[in-house]
Amino acid sequence: CGLVGAKPTYGLVSRYGLIAFASSLDQAGPIARTVADAALLLQAMAGHDPRDSTSIPTAVPAYADALDGGVDGLRVGVVRDFLEAEGLAAGVRARVEEAIERLGKLGADLVEVSLPHAGYSVSAYYLIAPSECSSNLSRYDGVRYGLRVDAATTEQMMGLTRAAGFGAEVKRRIMIGTYALSAGYYDAYYVAAQRVRTLIIRDFDAAYEHCDVLVGPTAPETAFPLGAKLEDPLSMYLQDAFTIPSNLAGAPAVSLPVGLDGDGLPVGLQVMAPLLGEPVMFRVAAALEADLALDTTPRGHGSLQEALA
């Protein structure tokens, strides 16, 4: 809440050693107090790893060197589909639009763009991710991996182990994924979701023909109380509606706070970029952060950049 979070290009950071959830989506990234800290952390995390078959064999640029470039002359695409989405809180929209206006005053060329299939991203994601989750987590049966609950028979041991080792939300996703992959439903659900994913990727490709980066709100609402949406999983899933499209496309994005709503909670704006577009992504985020000059750092704590100076 009020932090900077960066999701790198898929394959830029090794997944070796992580517990796989959804293998075509999983990607580790930094969470930090400032854009500069996030850039420094990603520079340390990124790089090719032969132990991860999805790792990209590419050189890692000095992301921190891009932070002072400003936005003058950059083409910044404003995703109207996000700003006009049903369920977007008024306070979130106001802060995000104010931040976008600041980018224009800093010299960015603001261009309205559309991601016409982004509205299907939550549905596609919550078929693809649980399906891959169902497959990946099937190994945790108490035989070779993870927790083991002893029982009289192997069948009982596996059942008790999986019941004890997974929380309610994980179990829900495993069941959804198992259903989507079952005979008679695979083509209707999983394959259809992958087709939607392809359409979303094409939407991004088309947008980046006219823009260097895209911007929009990070989430429809500000942070809700812990546990408030446990009984309404759909409402909880919809909080990811604006961040899922980049995840499905495997493209990078960074979220940074751009103000507070009426309840005093931080509002996030995300900067999205093409594949391996982290330098320009951080460049835009750093320029906006510097212009806003919001103080989100607790007393007694500095930034990683200051500590390394």
C-alpha atoms as a PDB file:
ATOM      1  CA  CYS A   1       0.000   0.000   0.000  1.00  0.00           C
ATOM      2  CA  GLY A   2       1.733   3.161  -1.177  1.00  0.00           C
ATOM      3  CA  LEU A   3       4.726   1.257  -2.543  1.00  0.00           C
ATOM      4  CA  VAL A   4       6.342   0.920  -5.959  1.00  0.00           C
ATOM      5  CA  GLY A   5       5.988  -2.528  -7.502  1.00  0.00           C
ATOM      6  CA  ALA A   6       7.527  -3.677 -10.781  1.00  0.00           C
ATOM      7  CA  LYS A   7       6.612  -6.738 -12.845  1.00  0.00           C
ATOM      8  CA  PRO A   8       9.399  -7.451 -15.353  1.00  0.00           C
ATOM      9  CA  THR A   9       9.142  -8.920 -18.818  1.00  0.00           C
ATOM     10  CA  TYR A  10       8.357 -12.636 -18.596  1.00  0.00           C
ATOM     11  CA  GLY A  11      11.652 -14.513 -18.472  1.00  0.00           C
ATOM     12  CA  LEU A  12      13.802 -11.538 -17.448  1.00  0.00           C
ATOM     13  CA  VAL A  13      14.128 -12.795 -13.846  1.00  0.00           C
ATOM     14  CA  SER A  14      14.832 -16.457 -13.194  1.00  0.00           C
ATOM     15  CA  ARG A  15      12.037 -18.504 -11.649  1.00  0.00           C
ATOM     16  CA  TYR A  16      14.483 -21.173 -10.485  1.00  0.00           C
ATOM     17  CA  GLY A  17      13.710 -22.102  -6.892  1.00  0.00           C
ATOM     18  CA  LEU A  18      10.188 -20.664  -6.868  1.00  0.00           C
ATOM     19  CA  ILE A  19       7.158 -22.836  -6.207  1.00  0.00           C
ATOM     20  CA  ALA A  20       5.424 -22.839  -9.586  1.00  0.00           C
ATOM     21  CA  PHE A  21       1.853 -21.554  -9.607  1.00  0.00           C
ATOM     22  CA  ALA A  22       1.109 -20.751 -13.249  1.00  0.00           C
ATOM     23  CA  SER A  23       4.219 -21.410 -15.299  1.00  0.00           C
ATOM     24  CA  SER A  24       3.317 -19.215 -18.275  1.00  0.00           C
ATOM     25  CA  LEU A  25       2.535 -16.277 -15.984  1.00  0.00           C
ATOM     26  CA  ASP A  26       4.829 -16.489 -12.948  1.00  0.00           C
ATOM     27  CA  GLN A  27       7.415 -13.705 -12.759  1.00  0.00           C
ATOM     28  CA  ALA A  28       9.185 -12.303  -9.709  1.00  0.00           C
ATOM     29  CA  GLY A  29       9.760  -8.569  -9.358  1.00  0.00           C
ATOM     30  CA  PRO A  30      10.785  -5.968  -6.769  1.00  0.00           C
ATOM     31  CA  ILE A  31       8.616  -4.022  -4.334  1.00  0.00           C
ATOM     32  CA  ALA A  32      10.285  -0.870  -3.055  1.00  0.00           C
ATOM     33  CA  ARG A  33       9.746   2.598  -1.605  1.00  0.00           C
ATOM     34  CA  THR A  34      10.862   4.467  -4.723  1.00  0.00           C
ATOM     35  CA  VAL A  35      11.138   3.937  -8.461  1.00  0.00           C
ATOM     36  CA  ALA A  36      14.926   4.225  -8.188  1.00  0.00           C
ATOM     37  CA  ASP A  37      15.042   1.464  -5.584  1.00  0.00           C
ATOM     38  CA  ALA A  38      12.843  -0.768  -7.745  1.00  0.00           C
ATOM     39  CA  ALA A  39      15.133  -0.178 -10.733  1.00  0.00           C
ATOM     40  CA  LEU A  40      18.253  -1.023  -8.714  1.00  0.00           C
ATOM     41  CA  LEU A  41      16.655  -4.154  -7.288  1.00  0.00           C
ATOM     42  CA  LEU A  42      15.513  -5.369 -10.700  1.00  0.00           C
ATOM     43  CA  GLN A  43      18.982  -4.798 -12.107  1.00  0.00           C
ATOM     44  CA  ALA A  44      20.329  -7.106  -9.397  1.00  0.00           C
ATOM     45  CA  MET A  45      17.604  -9.718  -9.933  1.00  0.00           C
ATOM     46  CA  ALA A  46      17.545  -9.840 -13.737  1.00  0.00           C
ATOM     47  CA  GLY A  47      19.740 -11.952 -15.967  1.00  0.00           C
ATOM     48  CA  HIS A  48      19.861 -15.221 -17.848  1.00  0.00           C
ATOM     49  CA  ASP A  49      19.741 -18.419 -15.812  1.00  0.00           C
ATOM     50  CA  PRO A  50      20.365 -21.732 -17.624  1.00  0.00           C
ATOM     51  CA  ARG A  51      18.452 -23.507 -14.846  1.00  0.00           C
ATOM     52  CA  ASP A  52      15.226 -21.825 -15.997  1.00  0.00           C
ATOM     53  CA  SER A  53      14.161 -22.836 -19.508  1.00  0.00           C
ATOM     54  CA  THR A  54      12.038 -19.676 -19.848  1.00  0.00           C
ATOM     55  CA  SER A  55      14.912 -17.340 -18.911  1.00  0.00           C
ATOM     56  CA  ILE A  56      15.739 -14.808 -21.654  1.00  0.00           C
ATOM     57  CA  PRO A  57      19.390 -14.816 -22.805  1.00  0.00           C
ATOM     58  CA  THR A  58      19.713 -11.036 -22.989  1.00  0.00           C
ATOM     59  CA  ALA A  59      22.018  -8.425 -21.500  1.00  0.00           C
ATOM     60  CA  VAL A  60      20.611  -6.455 -18.563  1.00  0.00           C
ATOM     61  CA  PRO A  61      20.841  -2.687 -19.075  1.00  0.00           C
ATOM     62  CA  ALA A  62      21.607  -0.237 -16.272  1.00  0.00           C
ATOM     63  CA  TYR A  63      18.030   0.680 -15.415  1.00  0.00           C
ATOM     64  CA  ALA A  64      19.138   3.415 -13.016  1.00  0.00           C
ATOM     65  CA  ASP A  65      20.767   5.265 -15.927  1.00  0.00           C
ATOM     66  CA  ALA A  66      17.348   5.793 -17.503  1.00  0.00           C
ATOM     67  CA  LEU A  67      15.767   7.445 -14.471  1.00  0.00           C
ATOM     68  CA  ASP A  68      16.774  11.023 -15.304  1.00  0.00           C
ATOM     69  CA  GLY A  69      15.682  10.985 -18.940  1.00  0.00           C
ATOM     70  CA  GLY A  70      12.360  12.750 -18.409  1.00  0.00           C
ATOM     71  CA  VAL A  71       9.305  12.294 -20.605  1.00  0.00           C
ATOM     72  CA  ASP A  72       9.724  15.145 -23.071  1.00  0.00           C
ATOM     73  CA  GLY A  73       8.808  13.826 -26.518  1.00  0.00           C
ATOM     74  CA  LEU A  74       7.712  10.391 -25.338  1.00  0.00           C
ATOM     75  CA  ARG A  75       4.393   9.066 -26.612  1.00  0.00           C
ATOM     76  CA  VAL A  76       2.299   8.072 -23.598  1.00  0.00           C
ATOM     77  CA  GLY A  77      -0.827   6.064 -24.356  1.00  0.00           C
ATOM     78  CA  VAL A  78      -3.774   6.628 -22.031  1.00  0.00           C
ATOM     79  CA  VAL A  79      -5.841   3.440 -21.825  1.00  0.00           C
ATOM     80  CA  ARG A  80      -9.413   4.742 -21.926  1.00  0.00           C
ATOM     81  CA  ASP A  81     -10.809   1.241 -21.394  1.00  0.00           C
ATOM     82  CA  PHE A  82      -9.379   1.344 -17.857  1.00  0.00           C
ATOM     83  CA  LEU A  83     -10.422   4.907 -17.017  1.00  0.00           C
ATOM     84  CA  GLU A  84     -13.970   4.272 -18.221  1.00  0.00           C
ATOM     85  CA  ALA A  85     -14.313   0.805 -16.702  1.00  0.00           C
ATOM     86  CA  GLU A  86     -17.332  -0.061 -14.604  1.00  0.00           C
ATOM     87  CA  GLY A  87     -16.425  -0.205 -10.925  1.00  0.00           C
ATOM     88  CA  LEU A  88     -13.574   2.314 -11.073  1.00  0.00           C
ATOM     89  CA  ALA A  89     -13.749   4.383  -7.895  1.00  0.00           C
ATOM     90  CA  ALA A  90     -14.167   8.128  -8.402  1.00  0.00           C
ATOM     91  CA  GLY A  91     -11.215   8.931  -6.148  1.00  0.00           C
ATOM     92  CA  VAL A  92      -8.957   6.579  -8.075  1.00  0.00           C
ATOM     93  CA  ARG A  93      -9.965   8.030 -11.423  1.00  0.00           C
ATOM     94  CA  ALA A  94      -9.439  11.602 -10.213  1.00  0.00           C
ATOM     95  CA  ARG A  95      -5.900  10.988  -8.922  1.00  0.00           C
ATOM     96  CA  VAL A  96      -4.882   9.006 -12.011  1.00  0.00           C
ATOM     97  CA  GLU A  97      -6.217  11.626 -14.425  1.00  0.00           C
ATOM     98  CA  GLU A  98      -4.401  14.347 -12.480  1.00  0.00           C
ATOM     99  CA  ALA A  99      -1.163  12.355 -12.740  1.00  0.00           C
ATOM    100  CA  ILE A 100      -1.646  11.830 -16.488  1.00  0.00           C
ATOM    101  CA  GLU A 101      -2.211  15.561 -16.906  1.00  0.00           C
ATOM    102  CA  ARG A 102       1.107  16.153 -15.132  1.00  0.00           C
ATOM    103  CA  LEU A 103       2.853  13.901 -17.652  1.00  0.00           C
ATOM    104  CA  GLY A 104       1.473  16.081 -20.420  1.00  0.00           C
ATOM    105  CA  LYS A 105       2.784  19.212 -18.721  1.00  0.00           C
ATOM    106  CA  LEU A 106       6.197  17.550 -18.420  1.00  0.00           C
ATOM    107  CA  GLY A 107       6.334  17.259 -22.198  1.00  0.00           C
ATOM    108  CA  ALA A 108       4.861  13.841 -22.916  1.00  0.00           C
ATOM    109  CA  ASP A 109       2.683  13.444 -25.993  1.00  0.00           C
ATOM    110  CA  LEU A 110      -0.559  12.002 -24.609  1.00  0.00           C
ATOM    111  CA  VAL A 111      -2.385   9.635 -26.964  1.00  0.00           C
ATOM    112  CA  GLU A 112      -5.682   7.910 -26.224  1.00  0.00           C
ATOM    113  CA  VAL A 113      -5.534   4.183 -26.971  1.00  0.00           C
ATOM    114  CA  SER A 114      -7.846   1.222 -26.599  1.00  0.00           C
ATOM    115  CA  LEU A 115      -7.241  -2.361 -25.567  1.00  0.00           C
ATOM    116  CA  PRO A 116     -10.553  -3.734 -26.851  1.00  0.00           C
ATOM    117  CA  HIS A 117     -10.146  -7.242 -25.442  1.00  0.00           C
ATOM    118  CA  ALA A 118      -8.827  -6.203 -22.012  1.00  0.00           C
ATOM    119  CA  GLY A 119     -12.317  -6.575 -20.582  1.00  0.00           C
ATOM    120  CA  TYR A 120     -12.030 -10.342 -21.035  1.00  0.00           C
ATOM    121  CA  SER A 121      -8.678 -10.583 -19.263  1.00  0.00           C
ATOM    122  CA  VAL A 122      -9.985 -11.533 -15.815  1.00  0.00           C
ATOM    123  CA  SER A 123     -12.076 -14.364 -17.258  1.00  0.00           C
ATOM    124  CA  ALA A 124      -9.157 -15.616 -19.358  1.00  0.00           C
ATOM    125  CA  TYR A 125      -6.663 -15.342 -16.512  1.00  0.00           C
ATOM    126  CA  TYR A 126      -8.835 -17.206 -14.033  1.00  0.00           C
ATOM    127  CA  LEU A 127      -9.062 -20.115 -16.451  1.00  0.00           C
ATOM    128  CA  ILE A 128      -5.410 -20.189 -17.531  1.00  0.00           C
ATOM    129  CA  ALA A 129      -3.831 -19.633 -14.110  1.00  0.00           C
ATOM    130  CA  PRO A 130      -5.939 -22.184 -12.182  1.00  0.00           C
ATOM    131  CA  SER A 131      -5.436 -24.745 -14.954  1.00  0.00           C
ATOM    132  CA  GLU A 132      -1.665 -24.418 -14.712  1.00  0.00           C
ATOM    133  CA  CYS A 133      -1.941 -24.291 -10.921  1.00  0.00           C
ATOM    134  CA  SER A 134      -3.917 -27.540 -10.889  1.00  0.00           C
ATOM    135  CA  SER A 135      -1.150 -29.233 -12.847  1.00  0.00           C
ATOM    136  CA  ASN A 136       1.786 -27.700 -10.956  1.00  0.00           C
ATOM    137  CA  LEU A 137       0.453 -28.290  -7.462  1.00  0.00           C
ATOM    138  CA  SER A 138      -0.572 -31.892  -8.132  1.00  0.00           C
ATOM    139  CA  ARG A 139       2.974 -32.885  -7.131  1.00  0.00           C
ATOM    140  CA  TYR A 140       2.291 -31.871  -3.527  1.00  0.00           C
ATOM    141  CA  ASP A 141       0.679 -35.149  -2.558  1.00  0.00           C
ATOM    142  CA  GLY A 142       2.831 -36.045   0.448  1.00  0.00           C
ATOM    143  CA  VAL A 143       4.914 -38.600  -1.436  1.00  0.00           C
ATOM    144  CA  ARG A 144       7.917 -36.610  -2.672  1.00  0.00           C
ATOM    145  CA  TYR A 145       7.159 -32.929  -2.102  1.00  0.00           C
ATOM    146  CA  GLY A 146       6.106 -30.739   0.796  1.00  0.00           C
ATOM    147  CA  LEU A 147       3.906 -31.526   3.765  1.00  0.00           C
ATOM    148  CA  ARG A 148       2.956 -35.113   4.623  1.00  0.00           C
ATOM    149  CA  VAL A 149       0.070 -36.119   6.877  1.00  0.00           C
ATOM    150  CA  ASP A 150       0.451 -39.769   7.858  1.00  0.00           C
ATOM    151  CA  ALA A 151      -2.542 -42.061   7.500  1.00  0.00           C
ATOM    152  CA  ALA A 152      -3.395 -45.759   7.312  1.00  0.00           C
ATOM    153  CA  THR A 153      -3.451 -45.899   3.494  1.00  0.00           C
ATOM    154  CA  THR A 154      -1.754 -44.033   0.654  1.00  0.00           C
ATOM    155  CA  GLU A 155      -5.084 -42.734  -0.602  1.00  0.00           C
ATOM    156  CA  GLN A 156      -5.982 -41.349   2.825  1.00  0.00           C
ATOM    157  CA  MET A 157      -2.508 -39.836   3.218  1.00  0.00           C
ATOM    158  CA  MET A 158      -2.779 -37.975  -0.100  1.00  0.00           C
ATOM    159  CA  GLY A 159      -6.263 -36.698   0.673  1.00  0.00           C
ATOM    160  CA  LEU A 160      -5.383 -35.526   4.183  1.00  0.00           C
ATOM    161  CA  THR A 161      -2.116 -33.974   3.009  1.00  0.00           C
ATOM    162  CA  ARG A 162      -3.739 -31.890   0.295  1.00  0.00           C
ATOM    163  CA  ALA A 163      -6.582 -30.907   2.623  1.00  0.00           C
ATOM    164  CA  ALA A 164      -4.147 -29.717   5.293  1.00  0.00           C
ATOM    165  CA  GLY A 165      -1.494 -28.199   3.054  1.00  0.00           C
ATOM    166  CA  PHE A 166      -3.588 -25.857   0.895  1.00  0.00           C
ATOM    167  CA  GLY A 167      -5.680 -22.889   1.980  1.00  0.00           C
ATOM    168  CA  ALA A 168      -9.253 -22.273   0.876  1.00  0.00           C
ATOM    169  CA  GLU A 169      -8.348 -19.960  -2.026  1.00  0.00           C
ATOM    170  CA  VAL A 170      -5.694 -22.350  -3.356  1.00  0.00           C
ATOM    171  CA  LYS A 171      -8.168 -25.227  -3.187  1.00  0.00           C
ATOM    172  CA  ARG A 172     -10.721 -23.126  -5.062  1.00  0.00           C
ATOM    173  CA  ARG A 173      -8.247 -22.418  -7.850  1.00  0.00           C
ATOM    174  CA  ILE A 174      -7.148 -26.048  -8.079  1.00  0.00           C
ATOM    175  CA  MET A 175     -10.774 -27.151  -8.441  1.00  0.00           C
ATOM    176  CA  ILE A 176     -11.464 -24.512 -11.113  1.00  0.00           C
ATOM    177  CA  GLY A 177      -8.361 -25.586 -13.020  1.00  0.00           C
ATOM    178  CA  THR A 178      -9.116 -29.280 -12.757  1.00  0.00           C
ATOM    179  CA  TYR A 179     -12.621 -28.641 -14.087  1.00  0.00           C
ATOM    180  CA  ALA A 180     -11.342 -26.497 -16.976  1.00  0.00           C
ATOM    181  CA  LEU A 181      -8.872 -29.205 -18.026  1.00  0.00           C
ATOM    182  CA  SER A 182     -11.314 -32.096 -17.704  1.00  0.00           C
ATOM    183  CA  ALA A 183     -12.587 -34.060 -20.691  1.00  0.00           C
ATOM    184  CA  GLY A 184     -15.307 -32.222 -22.548  1.00  0.00           C
ATOM    185  CA  TYR A 185     -14.405 -28.790 -21.168  1.00  0.00           C
ATOM    186  CA  TYR A 186     -10.781 -28.314 -22.280  1.00  0.00           C
ATOM    187  CA  ASP A 187     -11.618 -26.764 -25.658  1.00  0.00           C
ATOM    188  CA  ALA A 188     -14.590 -24.808 -24.336  1.00  0.00           C
ATOM    189  CA  TYR A 189     -12.669 -23.166 -21.498  1.00  0.00           C
ATOM    190  CA  TYR A 190      -8.871 -23.489 -21.496  1.00  0.00           C
ATOM    191  CA  VAL A 191      -8.326 -23.279 -25.255  1.00  0.00           C
ATOM    192  CA  ALA A 192     -10.822 -20.423 -25.545  1.00  0.00           C
ATOM    193  CA  ALA A 193      -8.994 -18.541 -22.777  1.00  0.00           C
ATOM    194  CA  GLN A 194      -5.686 -18.950 -24.605  1.00  0.00           C
ATOM    195  CA  ARG A 195      -7.270 -17.520 -27.748  1.00  0.00           C
ATOM    196  CA  VAL A 196      -8.413 -14.486 -25.765  1.00  0.00           C
ATOM    197  CA  ARG A 197      -4.862 -14.163 -24.461  1.00  0.00           C
ATOM    198  CA  THR A 198      -3.595 -13.984 -28.038  1.00  0.00           C
ATOM    199  CA  LEU A 199      -6.097 -11.230 -28.832  1.00  0.00           C
ATOM    200  CA  ILE A 200      -4.926  -9.237 -25.796  1.00  0.00           C
ATOM    201  CA  ILE A 201      -1.296  -9.580 -26.917  1.00  0.00           C
ATOM    202  CA  ARG A 202      -2.285  -8.277 -30.355  1.00  0.00           C
ATOM    203  CA  ASP A 203      -4.060  -5.326 -28.709  1.00  0.00           C
ATOM    204  CA  PHE A 204      -0.820  -4.390 -26.946  1.00  0.00           C
ATOM    205  CA  ASP A 205       1.199  -4.811 -30.142  1.00  0.00           C
ATOM    206  CA  ALA A 206      -1.159  -2.456 -31.960  1.00  0.00           C
ATOM    207  CA  ALA A 207      -1.050   0.120 -29.158  1.00  0.00           C
ATOM    208  CA  TYR A 208       2.747   0.147 -29.032  1.00  0.00           C
ATOM    209  CA  GLU A 209       2.910   0.973 -32.730  1.00  0.00           C
ATOM    210  CA  HIS A 210       1.746   4.464 -31.710  1.00  0.00           C
ATOM    211  CA  CYS A 211       3.049   4.738 -28.126  1.00  0.00           C
ATOM    212  CA  ASP A 212       6.237   4.232 -26.133  1.00  0.00           C
ATOM    213  CA  VAL A 213       4.385   3.346 -22.927  1.00  0.00           C
ATOM    214  CA  LEU A 214       0.808   2.984 -21.719  1.00  0.00           C
ATOM    215  CA  VAL A 215      -0.638   4.349 -18.473  1.00  0.00           C
ATOM    216  CA  GLY A 216      -3.766   3.717 -16.441  1.00  0.00           C
ATOM    217  CA  PRO A 217      -4.961   2.952 -12.924  1.00  0.00           C
ATOM    218  CA  THR A 218      -3.371  -0.001 -11.161  1.00  0.00           C
ATOM    219  CA  ALA A 219      -6.601  -1.174  -9.516  1.00  0.00           C
ATOM    220  CA  PRO A 220     -10.265  -0.110  -9.566  1.00  0.00           C
ATOM    221  CA  GLU A 221     -10.243   0.642  -5.833  1.00  0.00           C
ATOM    222  CA  THR A 222      -7.784   1.480  -3.096  1.00  0.00           C
ATOM    223  CA  ALA A 223      -6.794  -1.143  -0.508  1.00  0.00           C
ATOM    224  CA  PHE A 224      -9.715  -2.888   1.176  1.00  0.00           C
ATOM    225  CA  PRO A 225      -9.590  -4.274   4.749  1.00  0.00           C
ATOM    226  CA  LEU A 226      -7.793  -7.587   5.168  1.00  0.00           C
ATOM    227  CA  GLY A 227     -10.245 -10.439   4.643  1.00  0.00           C
ATOM    228  CA  ALA A 228     -13.067  -8.142   3.505  1.00  0.00           C
ATOM    229  CA  LYS A 229     -13.613  -9.942   0.194  1.00  0.00           C
ATOM    230  CA  LEU A 230     -13.000 -13.548   1.222  1.00  0.00           C
ATOM    231  CA  GLU A 231     -16.692 -14.337   0.895  1.00  0.00           C
ATOM    232  CA  ASP A 232     -16.887 -12.657  -2.506  1.00  0.00           C
ATOM    233  CA  PRO A 233     -13.996 -14.054  -4.569  1.00  0.00           C
ATOM    234  CA  LEU A 234     -15.273 -12.547  -7.837  1.00  0.00           C
ATOM    235  CA  SER A 235     -15.092  -9.058  -6.362  1.00  0.00           C
ATOM    236  CA  MET A 236     -11.567  -9.829  -5.174  1.00  0.00           C
ATOM    237  CA  TYR A 237     -10.540 -11.139  -8.611  1.00  0.00           C
ATOM    238  CA  LEU A 238     -11.862  -7.980 -10.289  1.00  0.00           C
ATOM    239  CA  GLN A 239      -9.319  -5.912  -8.356  1.00  0.00           C
ATOM    240  CA  ASP A 240      -6.750  -7.369 -10.780  1.00  0.00           C
ATOM    241  CA  ALA A 241      -8.653  -6.267 -13.891  1.00  0.00           C
ATOM    242  CA  PHE A 242      -6.120  -3.607 -14.923  1.00  0.00           C
ATOM    243  CA  THR A 243      -2.913  -5.497 -14.136  1.00  0.00           C
ATOM    244  CA  ILE A 244      -3.837  -8.876 -15.623  1.00  0.00           C
ATOM    245  CA  PRO A 245      -3.621  -7.745 -19.289  1.00  0.00           C
ATOM    246  CA  SER A 246       0.128  -7.017 -19.049  1.00  0.00           C
ATOM    247  CA  ASN A 247       0.638 -10.277 -17.195  1.00  0.00           C
ATOM    248  CA  LEU A 248      -1.120 -12.250 -19.923  1.00  0.00           C
ATOM    249  CA  ALA A 249       1.014 -10.456 -22.518  1.00  0.00           C
ATOM    250  CA  GLY A 250       4.223 -11.159 -20.590  1.00  0.00           C
ATOM    251  CA  ALA A 251       5.011  -7.440 -20.759  1.00  0.00           C
ATOM    252  CA  PRO A 252       6.530  -5.257 -18.024  1.00  0.00           C
ATOM    253  CA  ALA A 253       4.634  -2.794 -15.849  1.00  0.00           C
ATOM    254  CA  VAL A 254       5.368  -0.720 -12.764  1.00  0.00           C
ATOM    255  CA  SER A 255       2.902   0.731 -10.263  1.00  0.00           C
ATOM    256  CA  LEU A 256       3.593   3.842  -8.210  1.00  0.00           C
ATOM    257  CA  PRO A 257       1.483   5.922  -5.807  1.00  0.00           C
ATOM    258  CA  VAL A 258       0.123   9.147  -7.305  1.00  0.00           C
ATOM    259  CA  GLY A 259      -1.966  10.499  -4.442  1.00  0.00           C
ATOM    260  CA  LEU A 260      -4.588   9.634  -1.847  1.00  0.00           C
ATOM    261  CA  ASP A 261      -8.306   9.010  -2.156  1.00  0.00           C
ATOM    262  CA  GLY A 262     -10.960  10.507   0.100  1.00  0.00           C
ATOM    263  CA  ASP A 263     -10.195   7.951   2.809  1.00  0.00           C
ATOM    264  CA  GLY A 264      -6.503   8.774   2.815  1.00  0.00           C
ATOM    265  CA  LEU A 265      -5.468   5.567   1.045  1.00  0.00           C
ATOM    266  CA  PRO A 266      -2.823   5.565  -1.723  1.00  0.00           C
ATOM    267  CA  VAL A 267      -3.950   5.453  -5.350  1.00  0.00           C
ATOM    268  CA  GLY A 268      -1.733   3.597  -7.813  1.00  0.00           C
ATOM    269  CA  LEU A 269      -0.965   4.410 -11.439  1.00  0.00           C
ATOM    270  CA  GLN A 270       0.717   1.829 -13.631  1.00  0.00           C
ATOM    271  CA  VAL A 271       3.159   2.430 -16.458  1.00  0.00           C
ATOM    272  CA  MET A 272       3.159  -0.413 -18.995  1.00  0.00           C
ATOM    273  CA  ALA A 273       5.826  -0.977 -21.643  1.00  0.00           C
ATOM    274  CA  PRO A 274       6.607  -3.346 -24.542  1.00  0.00           C
ATOM    275  CA  LEU A 275       8.641  -6.507 -24.001  1.00  0.00           C
ATOM    276  CA  LEU A 276      12.047  -5.615 -22.511  1.00  0.00           C
ATOM    277  CA  GLY A 277      10.896  -1.995 -22.270  1.00  0.00           C
ATOM    278  CA  GLU A 278      11.886  -1.644 -18.610  1.00  0.00           C
ATOM    279  CA  PRO A 279      14.239   1.343 -19.242  1.00  0.00           C
ATOM    280  CA  VAL A 280      11.524   3.575 -20.719  1.00  0.00           C
ATOM    281  CA  MET A 281       9.014   2.246 -18.170  1.00  0.00           C
ATOM    282  CA  PHE A 282      11.228   3.305 -15.247  1.00  0.00           C
ATOM    283  CA  ARG A 283      12.039   6.575 -17.016  1.00  0.00           C
ATOM    284  CA  VAL A 284       8.389   7.614 -17.158  1.00  0.00           C
ATOM    285  CA  ALA A 285       7.651   6.399 -13.626  1.00  0.00           C
ATOM    286  CA  ALA A 286      10.663   8.254 -12.196  1.00  0.00           C
ATOM    287  CA  ALA A 287       9.708  11.500 -13.930  1.00  0.00           C
ATOM    288  CA  LEU A 288       6.168  11.332 -12.572  1.00  0.00           C
ATOM    289  CA  GLU A 289       7.359  10.381  -9.092  1.00  0.00           C
ATOM    290  CA  ALA A 290       9.776  13.332  -9.010  1.00  0.00           C
ATOM    291  CA  ASP A 291       7.095  15.762 -10.196  1.00  0.00           C
ATOM    292  CA  LEU A 292       4.542  14.554  -7.645  1.00  0.00           C
ATOM    293  CA  ALA A 293       7.118  14.589  -4.825  1.00  0.00           C
ATOM    294  CA  LEU A 294       4.891  12.485  -2.563  1.00  0.00           C
ATOM    295  CA  ASP A 295       6.341  11.540   0.809  1.00  0.00           C
ATOM    296  CA  THR A 296       5.514   7.859   1.258  1.00  0.00           C
ATOM    297  CA  THR A 297       8.647   6.951   3.230  1.00  0.00           C
ATOM    298  CA  PRO A 298       8.198   6.226   6.963  1.00  0.00           C
ATOM    299  CA  ARG A 299      10.240   8.243   9.432  1.00  0.00           C
ATOM    300  CA  GLY A 300      13.649   6.782  10.102  1.00  0.00           C
ATOM    301  CA  HIS A 301      13.903   5.019   6.750  1.00  0.00           C
ATOM    302  CA  GLY A 302      15.720   6.129   3.625  1.00  0.00           C
ATOM    303  CA  SER A 303      15.927   4.713   0.151  1.00  0.00           C
ATOM    304  CA  LEU A 304      18.275   2.032  -1.108  1.00  0.00           C
ATOM    305  CA  GLN A 305      19.742   4.562  -3.506  1.00  0.00           C
ATOM    306  CA  GLU A 306      20.616   6.875  -0.602  1.00  0.00           C
ATOM    307  CA  ALA A 307      22.184   4.019   1.324  1.00  0.00           C
ATOM    308  CA  LEU A 308      24.399   3.117  -1.637  1.00  0.00           C
ATOM    309  CA  ALA A 309      25.469   6.728  -2.271  1.00  0.00           C
END
